[in-house]
Amino acid sequence: MNEREQSPGRTDVPSQRRDLAAERRAVRLAARRLAAEAPALTAASADVLRAGLAVRAAALHRAALAAGRAGVPPQVIAGDSRLTEGTVRRWIAADGGRR
């Protein structure tokens, strides 16, 4: 088997890295949106503020869980999201470690 061929159970490391990069980008984007849009939301009513922050926080939560399921380590997710590692670990634990 040449170096480009793979045995059936072997993981393609370069594509795995691309997948993790995409998950990490999604976490960073969700965190940036939450941080960037929070000031504008504060200018709105309290109800709009709560709803807007909840939607953006939920997007960050989903992105963090997807990254965790893809194999991104919690400390990396924490760095990308500006969340504490403890928060990321609690979210992943509450998700049941699904993959």
PDB file of N, CA and C in Angstrom:
ATOM      1  N   MET A   1       0.852  -1.159   0.000  1.00  0.00           N
ATOM      2  CA  MET A   1       0.000   0.000   0.000  1.00  0.00           C
ATOM      3  C   MET A   1       0.905   1.231   0.000  1.00  0.00           C
ATOM      4  N   ASN A   2       0.664   2.155  -0.940  1.00  0.00           N
ATOM      5  CA  ASN A   2       1.508   3.355  -0.958  1.00  0.00           C
ATOM      6  C   ASN A   2       1.076   4.315   0.143  1.00  0.00           C
ATOM      7  N   GLU A   3       1.846   5.393   0.328  1.00  0.00           N
ATOM      8  CA  GLU A   3       1.588   6.282   1.449  1.00  0.00           C
ATOM      9  C   GLU A   3       0.279   7.052   1.325  1.00  0.00           C
ATOM     10  N   ARG A   4      -0.300   7.148   0.117  1.00  0.00           N
ATOM     11  CA  ARG A   4      -1.576   7.847  -0.052  1.00  0.00           C
ATOM     12  C   ARG A   4      -2.773   6.937   0.219  1.00  0.00           C
ATOM     13  N   GLU A   5      -2.582   5.642   0.128  1.00  0.00           N
ATOM     14  CA  GLU A   5      -3.664   4.701   0.408  1.00  0.00           C
ATOM     15  C   GLU A   5      -3.744   4.488   1.909  1.00  0.00           C
ATOM     16  N   GLN A   6      -4.928   4.155   2.361  1.00  0.00           N
ATOM     17  CA  GLN A   6      -5.110   3.933   3.783  1.00  0.00           C
ATOM     18  C   GLN A   6      -5.809   2.618   4.015  1.00  0.00           C
ATOM     19  N   SER A   7      -5.509   2.030   5.140  1.00  0.00           N
ATOM     20  CA  SER A   7      -6.230   0.828   5.523  1.00  0.00           C
ATOM     21  C   SER A   7      -7.612   1.257   6.006  1.00  0.00           C
ATOM     22  N   PRO A   8      -8.595   0.354   5.997  1.00  0.00           N
ATOM     23  CA  PRO A   8      -9.968   0.730   6.310  1.00  0.00           C
ATOM     24  C   PRO A   8     -10.177   1.424   7.654  1.00  0.00           C
ATOM     25  N   GLY A   9      -9.485   1.059   8.717  1.00  0.00           N
ATOM     26  CA  GLY A   9      -9.735   1.644  10.014  1.00  0.00           C
ATOM     27  C   GLY A   9      -8.910   2.881  10.318  1.00  0.00           C
ATOM     28  N   ARG A  10      -8.043   3.268   9.415  1.00  0.00           N
ATOM     29  CA  ARG A  10      -7.128   4.381   9.691  1.00  0.00           C
ATOM     30  C   ARG A  10      -7.813   5.732   9.484  1.00  0.00           C
ATOM     31  N   THR A  11      -7.529   6.678  10.374  1.00  0.00           N
ATOM     32  CA  THR A  11      -8.092   8.029  10.272  1.00  0.00           C
ATOM     33  C   THR A  11      -7.201   8.891   9.406  1.00  0.00           C
ATOM     34  N   ASP A  12      -7.811   9.668   8.548  1.00  0.00           N
ATOM     35  CA  ASP A  12      -7.077  10.600   7.706  1.00  0.00           C
ATOM     36  C   ASP A  12      -6.760  11.844   8.535  1.00  0.00           C
ATOM     37  N   VAL A  13      -5.559  11.952   9.004  1.00  0.00           N
ATOM     38  CA  VAL A  13      -5.175  13.026   9.912  1.00  0.00           C
ATOM     39  C   VAL A  13      -5.348  14.407   9.293  1.00  0.00           C
ATOM     40  N   PRO A  14      -4.896  14.676   8.056  1.00  0.00           N
ATOM     41  CA  PRO A  14      -5.089  16.028   7.504  1.00  0.00           C
ATOM     42  C   PRO A  14      -6.557  16.447   7.451  1.00  0.00           C
ATOM     43  N   SER A  15      -7.472  15.558   7.057  1.00  0.00           N
ATOM     44  CA  SER A  15      -8.881  15.957   7.008  1.00  0.00           C
ATOM     45  C   SER A  15      -9.423  16.118   8.418  1.00  0.00           C
ATOM     46  N   GLN A  16      -8.904  15.337   9.367  1.00  0.00           N
ATOM     47  CA  GLN A  16      -9.329  15.485  10.750  1.00  0.00           C
ATOM     48  C   GLN A  16      -8.922  16.866  11.269  1.00  0.00           C
ATOM     49  N   ARG A  17      -7.734  17.328  10.918  1.00  0.00           N
ATOM     50  CA  ARG A  17      -7.287  18.662  11.319  1.00  0.00           C
ATOM     51  C   ARG A  17      -8.183  19.735  10.717  1.00  0.00           C
ATOM     52  N   ARG A  18      -8.569  19.561   9.451  1.00  0.00           N
ATOM     53  CA  ARG A  18      -9.464  20.528   8.805  1.00  0.00           C
ATOM     54  C   ARG A  18     -10.793  20.585   9.545  1.00  0.00           C
ATOM     55  N   ASP A  19     -11.327  19.414   9.933  1.00  0.00           N
ATOM     56  CA  ASP A  19     -12.597  19.374  10.644  1.00  0.00           C
ATOM     57  C   ASP A  19     -12.486  20.115  11.970  1.00  0.00           C
ATOM     58  N   LEU A  20     -11.408  19.907  12.695  1.00  0.00           N
ATOM     59  CA  LEU A  20     -11.231  20.588  13.969  1.00  0.00           C
ATOM     60  C   LEU A  20     -11.065  22.087  13.758  1.00  0.00           C
ATOM     61  N   ALA A  21     -10.385  22.472  12.703  1.00  0.00           N
ATOM     62  CA  ALA A  21     -10.218  23.895  12.408  1.00  0.00           C
ATOM     63  C   ALA A  21     -11.577  24.530  12.143  1.00  0.00           C
ATOM     64  N   ALA A  22     -12.444  23.849  11.439  1.00  0.00           N
ATOM     65  CA  ALA A  22     -13.775  24.379  11.154  1.00  0.00           C
ATOM     66  C   ALA A  22     -14.583  24.520  12.436  1.00  0.00           C
ATOM     67  N   GLU A  23     -14.492  23.541  13.313  1.00  0.00           N
ATOM     68  CA  GLU A  23     -15.210  23.609  14.590  1.00  0.00           C
ATOM     69  C   GLU A  23     -14.669  24.743  15.445  1.00  0.00           C
ATOM     70  N   ARG A  24     -13.363  24.911  15.465  1.00  0.00           N
ATOM     71  CA  ARG A  24     -12.761  25.987  16.249  1.00  0.00           C
ATOM     72  C   ARG A  24     -13.164  27.353  15.688  1.00  0.00           C
ATOM     73  N   ARG A  25     -13.207  27.476  14.364  1.00  0.00           N
ATOM     74  CA  ARG A  25     -13.648  28.739  13.746  1.00  0.00           C
ATOM     75  C   ARG A  25     -15.080  29.065  14.152  1.00  0.00           C
ATOM     76  N   ALA A  26     -15.930  28.055  14.184  1.00  0.00           N
ATOM     77  CA  ALA A  26     -17.336  28.264  14.568  1.00  0.00           C
ATOM     78  C   ALA A  26     -17.436  28.762  16.007  1.00  0.00           C
ATOM     79  N   VAL A  27     -16.614  28.214  16.904  1.00  0.00           N
ATOM     80  CA  VAL A  27     -16.610  28.665  18.300  1.00  0.00           C
ATOM     81  C   VAL A  27     -16.150  30.118  18.375  1.00  0.00           C
ATOM     82  N   ARG A  28     -15.051  30.427  17.689  1.00  0.00           N
ATOM     83  CA  ARG A  28     -14.530  31.798  17.725  1.00  0.00           C
ATOM     84  C   ARG A  28     -15.538  32.793  17.156  1.00  0.00           C
ATOM     85  N   LEU A  29     -16.200  32.417  16.062  1.00  0.00           N
ATOM     86  CA  LEU A  29     -17.193  33.296  15.442  1.00  0.00           C
ATOM     87  C   LEU A  29     -18.368  33.534  16.389  1.00  0.00           C
ATOM     88  N   ALA A  30     -18.872  32.475  17.022  1.00  0.00           N
ATOM     89  CA  ALA A  30     -19.998  32.629  17.952  1.00  0.00           C
ATOM     90  C   ALA A  30     -19.609  33.522  19.134  1.00  0.00           C
ATOM     91  N   ALA A  31     -18.391  33.359  19.637  1.00  0.00           N
ATOM     92  CA  ALA A  31     -17.928  34.192  20.755  1.00  0.00           C
ATOM     93  C   ALA A  31     -17.790  35.650  20.325  1.00  0.00           C
ATOM     94  N   ARG A  32     -17.260  35.870  19.120  1.00  0.00           N
ATOM     95  CA  ARG A  32     -17.115  37.248  18.616  1.00  0.00           C
ATOM     96  C   ARG A  32     -18.472  37.909  18.433  1.00  0.00           C
ATOM     97  N   ARG A  33     -19.440  37.146  17.900  1.00  0.00           N
ATOM     98  CA  ARG A  33     -20.779  37.715  17.696  1.00  0.00           C
ATOM     99  C   ARG A  33     -21.408  38.105  19.021  1.00  0.00           C
ATOM    100  N   LEU A  34     -21.265  37.238  20.012  1.00  0.00           N
ATOM    101  CA  LEU A  34     -21.825  37.545  21.325  1.00  0.00           C
ATOM    102  C   LEU A  34     -21.194  38.817  21.888  1.00  0.00           C
ATOM    103  N   ALA A  35     -19.879  38.903  21.821  1.00  0.00           N
ATOM    104  CA  ALA A  35     -19.176  40.073  22.370  1.00  0.00           C
ATOM    105  C   ALA A  35     -19.466  41.341  21.560  1.00  0.00           C
ATOM    106  N   ALA A  36     -19.510  41.214  20.258  1.00  0.00           N
ATOM    107  CA  ALA A  36     -19.690  42.388  19.402  1.00  0.00           C
ATOM    108  C   ALA A  36     -21.112  42.940  19.447  1.00  0.00           C
ATOM    109  N   GLU A  37     -22.090  42.069  19.565  1.00  0.00           N
ATOM    110  CA  GLU A  37     -23.477  42.517  19.499  1.00  0.00           C
ATOM    111  C   GLU A  37     -24.058  42.876  20.855  1.00  0.00           C
ATOM    112  N   ALA A  38     -23.396  42.511  21.938  1.00  0.00           N
ATOM    113  CA  ALA A  38     -23.915  42.812  23.273  1.00  0.00           C
ATOM    114  C   ALA A  38     -24.117  44.309  23.503  1.00  0.00           C
ATOM    115  N   PRO A  39     -23.158  45.166  23.130  1.00  0.00           N
ATOM    116  CA  PRO A  39     -23.390  46.608  23.354  1.00  0.00           C
ATOM    117  C   PRO A  39     -24.613  47.146  22.606  1.00  0.00           C
ATOM    118  N   ALA A  40     -24.819  46.707  21.394  1.00  0.00           N
ATOM    119  CA  ALA A  40     -25.984  47.174  20.635  1.00  0.00           C
ATOM    120  C   ALA A  40     -27.277  46.686  21.279  1.00  0.00           C
ATOM    121  N   LEU A  41     -27.241  45.482  21.805  1.00  0.00           N
ATOM    122  CA  LEU A  41     -28.439  44.940  22.448  1.00  0.00           C
ATOM    123  C   LEU A  41     -28.788  45.703  23.726  1.00  0.00           C
ATOM    124  N   THR A  42     -27.784  46.214  24.408  1.00  0.00           N
ATOM    125  CA  THR A  42     -28.056  46.941  25.652  1.00  0.00           C
ATOM    126  C   THR A  42     -28.807  48.239  25.391  1.00  0.00           C
ATOM    127  N   ALA A  43     -28.736  48.746  24.181  1.00  0.00           N
ATOM    128  CA  ALA A  43     -29.464  49.963  23.829  1.00  0.00           C
ATOM    129  C   ALA A  43     -30.957  49.685  23.623  1.00  0.00           C
ATOM    130  N   ALA A  44     -31.306  48.434  23.488  1.00  0.00           N
ATOM    131  CA  ALA A  44     -32.706  48.053  23.265  1.00  0.00           C
ATOM    132  C   ALA A  44     -33.397  47.845  24.616  1.00  0.00           C
ATOM    133  N   SER A  45     -34.624  47.412  24.561  1.00  0.00           N
ATOM    134  CA  SER A  45     -35.366  47.157  25.792  1.00  0.00           C
ATOM    135  C   SER A  45     -34.772  45.960  26.532  1.00  0.00           C
ATOM    136  N   ALA A  46     -35.133  45.810  27.780  1.00  0.00           N
ATOM    137  CA  ALA A  46     -34.631  44.706  28.599  1.00  0.00           C
ATOM    138  C   ALA A  46     -35.020  43.358  27.995  1.00  0.00           C
ATOM    139  N   ASP A  47     -36.233  43.271  27.472  1.00  0.00           N
ATOM    140  CA  ASP A  47     -36.683  42.008  26.872  1.00  0.00           C
ATOM    141  C   ASP A  47     -35.860  41.668  25.633  1.00  0.00           C
ATOM    142  N   VAL A  48     -35.598  42.670  24.805  1.00  0.00           N
ATOM    143  CA  VAL A  48     -34.793  42.457  23.594  1.00  0.00           C
ATOM    144  C   VAL A  48     -33.375  42.072  23.989  1.00  0.00           C
ATOM    145  N   LEU A  49     -32.838  42.727  25.004  1.00  0.00           N
ATOM    146  CA  LEU A  49     -31.496  42.409  25.488  1.00  0.00           C
ATOM    147  C   LEU A  49     -31.415  40.957  25.938  1.00  0.00           C
ATOM    148  N   ARG A  50     -32.349  40.540  26.792  1.00  0.00           N
ATOM    149  CA  ARG A  50     -32.336  39.152  27.289  1.00  0.00           C
ATOM    150  C   ARG A  50     -32.480  38.151  26.148  1.00  0.00           C
ATOM    151  N   ALA A  51     -33.403  38.406  25.248  1.00  0.00           N
ATOM    152  CA  ALA A  51     -33.634  37.481  24.138  1.00  0.00           C
ATOM    153  C   ALA A  51     -32.420  37.415  23.213  1.00  0.00           C
ATOM    154  N   GLY A  52     -31.869  38.573  22.897  1.00  0.00           N
ATOM    155  CA  GLY A  52     -30.714  38.614  22.001  1.00  0.00           C
ATOM    156  C   GLY A  52     -29.496  37.926  22.584  1.00  0.00           C
ATOM    157  N   LEU A  53     -29.221  38.203  23.868  1.00  0.00           N
ATOM    158  CA  LEU A  53     -28.081  37.541  24.514  1.00  0.00           C
ATOM    159  C   LEU A  53     -28.308  36.041  24.625  1.00  0.00           C
ATOM    160  N   ALA A  54     -29.545  35.634  24.900  1.00  0.00           N
ATOM    161  CA  ALA A  54     -29.847  34.197  25.010  1.00  0.00           C
ATOM    162  C   ALA A  54     -29.603  33.477  23.684  1.00  0.00           C
ATOM    163  N   VAL A  55     -30.014  34.105  22.587  1.00  0.00           N
ATOM    164  CA  VAL A  55     -29.818  33.496  21.263  1.00  0.00           C
ATOM    165  C   VAL A  55     -28.325  33.366  20.955  1.00  0.00           C
ATOM    166  N   ARG A  56     -27.570  34.414  21.230  1.00  0.00           N
ATOM    167  CA  ARG A  56     -26.137  34.377  20.927  1.00  0.00           C
ATOM    168  C   ARG A  56     -25.380  33.441  21.863  1.00  0.00           C
ATOM    169  N   ALA A  57     -25.787  33.385  23.124  1.00  0.00           N
ATOM    170  CA  ALA A  57     -25.160  32.452  24.066  1.00  0.00           C
ATOM    171  C   ALA A  57     -25.475  31.005  23.677  1.00  0.00           C
ATOM    172  N   ALA A  58     -26.699  30.764  23.210  1.00  0.00           N
ATOM    173  CA  ALA A  58     -27.067  29.416  22.766  1.00  0.00           C
ATOM    174  C   ALA A  58     -26.248  29.002  21.544  1.00  0.00           C
ATOM    175  N   ALA A  59     -25.981  29.948  20.656  1.00  0.00           N
ATOM    176  CA  ALA A  59     -25.157  29.640  19.480  1.00  0.00           C
ATOM    177  C   ALA A  59     -23.736  29.278  19.912  1.00  0.00           C
ATOM    178  N   LEU A  60     -23.203  29.994  20.884  1.00  0.00           N
ATOM    179  CA  LEU A  60     -21.872  29.678  21.403  1.00  0.00           C
ATOM    180  C   LEU A  60     -21.875  28.316  22.081  1.00  0.00           C
ATOM    181  N   HIS A  61     -22.912  28.026  22.834  1.00  0.00           N
ATOM    182  CA  HIS A  61     -23.047  26.722  23.503  1.00  0.00           C
ATOM    183  C   HIS A  61     -23.048  25.599  22.473  1.00  0.00           C
ATOM    184  N   ARG A  62     -23.863  25.743  21.425  1.00  0.00           N
ATOM    185  CA  ARG A  62     -23.928  24.708  20.375  1.00  0.00           C
ATOM    186  C   ARG A  62     -22.574  24.535  19.687  1.00  0.00           C
ATOM    187  N   ALA A  63     -21.907  25.642  19.388  1.00  0.00           N
ATOM    188  CA  ALA A  63     -20.603  25.568  18.719  1.00  0.00           C
ATOM    189  C   ALA A  63     -19.570  24.886  19.619  1.00  0.00           C
ATOM    190  N   ALA A  64     -19.597  25.202  20.913  1.00  0.00           N
ATOM    191  CA  ALA A  64     -18.657  24.587  21.845  1.00  0.00           C
ATOM    192  C   ALA A  64     -18.909  23.084  21.954  1.00  0.00           C
ATOM    193  N   LEU A  65     -20.165  22.692  22.013  1.00  0.00           N
ATOM    194  CA  LEU A  65     -20.487  21.262  22.086  1.00  0.00           C
ATOM    195  C   LEU A  65     -20.080  20.538  20.805  1.00  0.00           C
ATOM    196  N   ALA A  66     -20.331  21.156  19.673  1.00  0.00           N
ATOM    197  CA  ALA A  66     -19.941  20.539  18.397  1.00  0.00           C
ATOM    198  C   ALA A  66     -18.430  20.367  18.335  1.00  0.00           C
ATOM    199  N   ALA A  67     -17.702  21.363  18.809  1.00  0.00           N
ATOM    200  CA  ALA A  67     -16.241  21.266  18.825  1.00  0.00           C
ATOM    201  C   ALA A  67     -15.796  20.142  19.754  1.00  0.00           C
ATOM    202  N   GLY A  68     -16.420  20.056  20.919  1.00  0.00           N
ATOM    203  CA  GLY A  68     -16.090  18.978  21.855  1.00  0.00           C
ATOM    204  C   GLY A  68     -16.369  17.612  21.260  1.00  0.00           C
ATOM    205  N   ARG A  69     -17.501  17.471  20.592  1.00  0.00           N
ATOM    206  CA  ARG A  69     -17.837  16.190  19.944  1.00  0.00           C
ATOM    207  C   ARG A  69     -16.854  15.843  18.835  1.00  0.00           C
ATOM    208  N   ALA A  70     -16.311  16.872  18.180  1.00  0.00           N
ATOM    209  CA  ALA A  70     -15.362  16.646  17.080  1.00  0.00           C
ATOM    210  C   ALA A  70     -13.972  16.284  17.601  1.00  0.00           C
ATOM    211  N   GLY A  71     -13.766  16.462  18.919  1.00  0.00           N
ATOM    212  CA  GLY A  71     -12.478  16.094  19.489  1.00  0.00           C
ATOM    213  C   GLY A  71     -11.580  17.261  19.873  1.00  0.00           C
ATOM    214  N   VAL A  72     -12.098  18.485  19.801  1.00  0.00           N
ATOM    215  CA  VAL A  72     -11.309  19.636  20.230  1.00  0.00           C
ATOM    216  C   VAL A  72     -11.238  19.589  21.762  1.00  0.00           C
ATOM    217  N   PRO A  73     -10.055  19.662  22.330  1.00  0.00           N
ATOM    218  CA  PRO A  73      -9.922  19.599  23.786  1.00  0.00           C
ATOM    219  C   PRO A  73     -10.619  20.782  24.477  1.00  0.00           C
ATOM    220  N   PRO A  74     -11.184  20.544  25.668  1.00  0.00           N
ATOM    221  CA  PRO A  74     -11.894  21.614  26.384  1.00  0.00           C
ATOM    222  C   PRO A  74     -11.065  22.875  26.607  1.00  0.00           C
ATOM    223  N   GLN A  75      -9.774  22.716  26.895  1.00  0.00           N
ATOM    224  CA  GLN A  75      -8.950  23.903  27.130  1.00  0.00           C
ATOM    225  C   GLN A  75      -8.790  24.727  25.857  1.00  0.00           C
ATOM    226  N   VAL A  76      -8.806  24.095  24.711  1.00  0.00           N
ATOM    227  CA  VAL A  76      -8.717  24.816  23.437  1.00  0.00           C
ATOM    228  C   VAL A  76     -10.039  25.536  23.160  1.00  0.00           C
ATOM    229  N   ILE A  77     -11.150  24.842  23.415  1.00  0.00           N
ATOM    230  CA  ILE A  77     -12.466  25.474  23.243  1.00  0.00           C
ATOM    231  C   ILE A  77     -12.568  26.689  24.156  1.00  0.00           C
ATOM    232  N   ALA A  78     -12.095  26.547  25.393  1.00  0.00           N
ATOM    233  CA  ALA A  78     -12.138  27.660  26.345  1.00  0.00           C
ATOM    234  C   ALA A  78     -11.340  28.847  25.814  1.00  0.00           C
ATOM    235  N   GLY A  79     -10.175  28.598  25.289  1.00  0.00           N
ATOM    236  CA  GLY A  79      -9.361  29.679  24.738  1.00  0.00           C
ATOM    237  C   GLY A  79     -10.012  30.339  23.539  1.00  0.00           C
ATOM    238  N   ASP A  80     -10.601  29.528  22.679  1.00  0.00           N
ATOM    239  CA  ASP A  80     -11.250  30.074  21.482  1.00  0.00           C
ATOM    240  C   ASP A  80     -12.509  30.862  21.818  1.00  0.00           C
ATOM    241  N   SER A  81     -13.208  30.456  22.872  1.00  0.00           N
ATOM    242  CA  SER A  81     -14.505  31.051  23.189  1.00  0.00           C
ATOM    243  C   SER A  81     -14.442  32.139  24.251  1.00  0.00           C
ATOM    244  N   ARG A  82     -13.288  32.228  24.926  1.00  0.00           N
ATOM    245  CA  ARG A  82     -13.124  33.141  26.065  1.00  0.00           C
ATOM    246  C   ARG A  82     -14.001  32.741  27.246  1.00  0.00           C
ATOM    247  N   LEU A  83     -14.390  31.474  27.285  1.00  0.00           N
ATOM    248  CA  LEU A  83     -15.099  30.916  28.431  1.00  0.00           C
ATOM    249  C   LEU A  83     -14.076  30.295  29.361  1.00  0.00           C
ATOM    250  N   THR A  84     -14.477  30.015  30.591  1.00  0.00           N
ATOM    251  CA  THR A  84     -13.561  29.287  31.469  1.00  0.00           C
ATOM    252  C   THR A  84     -13.556  27.818  31.051  1.00  0.00           C
ATOM    253  N   GLU A  85     -12.452  27.162  31.326  1.00  0.00           N
ATOM    254  CA  GLU A  85     -12.377  25.734  31.009  1.00  0.00           C
ATOM    255  C   GLU A  85     -13.425  24.958  31.801  1.00  0.00           C
ATOM    256  N   GLY A  86     -13.688  25.395  33.024  1.00  0.00           N
ATOM    257  CA  GLY A  86     -14.707  24.736  33.841  1.00  0.00           C
ATOM    258  C   GLY A  86     -16.083  24.798  33.199  1.00  0.00           C
ATOM    259  N   THR A  87     -16.421  25.955  32.629  1.00  0.00           N
ATOM    260  CA  THR A  87     -17.707  26.097  31.941  1.00  0.00           C
ATOM    261  C   THR A  87     -17.783  25.150  30.756  1.00  0.00           C
ATOM    262  N   VAL A  88     -16.729  25.100  29.973  1.00  0.00           N
ATOM    263  CA  VAL A  88     -16.715  24.218  28.798  1.00  0.00           C
ATOM    264  C   VAL A  88     -16.845  22.763  29.245  1.00  0.00           C
ATOM    265  N   ARG A  89     -16.112  22.379  30.266  1.00  0.00           N
ATOM    266  CA  ARG A  89     -16.191  20.992  30.762  1.00  0.00           C
ATOM    267  C   ARG A  89     -17.595  20.669  31.285  1.00  0.00           C
ATOM    268  N   ARG A  90     -18.237  21.602  31.969  1.00  0.00           N
ATOM    269  CA  ARG A  90     -19.607  21.367  32.459  1.00  0.00           C
ATOM    270  C   ARG A  90     -20.577  21.195  31.286  1.00  0.00           C
ATOM    271  N   TRP A  91     -20.438  22.039  30.266  1.00  0.00           N
ATOM    272  CA  TRP A  91     -21.308  21.907  29.102  1.00  0.00           C
ATOM    273  C   TRP A  91     -21.134  20.552  28.433  1.00  0.00           C
ATOM    274  N   ILE A  92     -19.876  20.138  28.270  1.00  0.00           N
ATOM    275  CA  ILE A  92     -19.606  18.852  27.620  1.00  0.00           C
ATOM    276  C   ILE A  92     -20.136  17.707  28.475  1.00  0.00           C
ATOM    277  N   ALA A  93     -19.925  17.785  29.786  1.00  0.00           N
ATOM    278  CA  ALA A  93     -20.425  16.730  30.684  1.00  0.00           C
ATOM    279  C   ALA A  93     -21.950  16.658  30.636  1.00  0.00           C
ATOM    280  N   ALA A  94     -22.614  17.812  30.635  1.00  0.00           N
ATOM    281  CA  ALA A  94     -24.076  17.843  30.583  1.00  0.00           C
ATOM    282  C   ALA A  94     -24.600  17.292  29.253  1.00  0.00           C
ATOM    283  N   ASP A  95     -23.773  17.397  28.215  1.00  0.00           N
ATOM    284  CA  ASP A  95     -24.146  16.879  26.900  1.00  0.00           C
ATOM    285  C   ASP A  95     -24.026  15.357  26.868  1.00  0.00           C
ATOM    286  N   GLY A  96     -23.398  14.785  27.873  1.00  0.00           N
ATOM    287  CA  GLY A  96     -23.262  13.332  27.933  1.00  0.00           C
ATOM    288  C   GLY A  96     -22.107  12.805  27.115  1.00  0.00           C
ATOM    289  N   GLY A  97     -21.219  13.681  26.663  1.00  0.00           N
ATOM    290  CA  GLY A  97     -20.075  13.228  25.886  1.00  0.00           C
ATOM    291  C   GLY A  97     -20.444  12.636  24.540  1.00  0.00           C
ATOM    292  N   ARG A  98     -21.618  13.016  24.028  1.00  0.00           N
ATOM    293  CA  ARG A  98     -22.040  12.483  22.715  1.00  0.00           C
ATOM    294  C   ARG A  98     -21.071  12.858  21.633  1.00  0.00           C
ATOM    295  N   ARG A  99     -20.932  11.985  20.654  1.00  0.00           N
ATOM    296  CA  ARG A  99     -20.058  12.258  19.499  1.00  0.00           C
ATOM    297  C   ARG A  99     -20.816  12.057  18.236  1.00  0.00           C
TER     298      ARG A  99
END
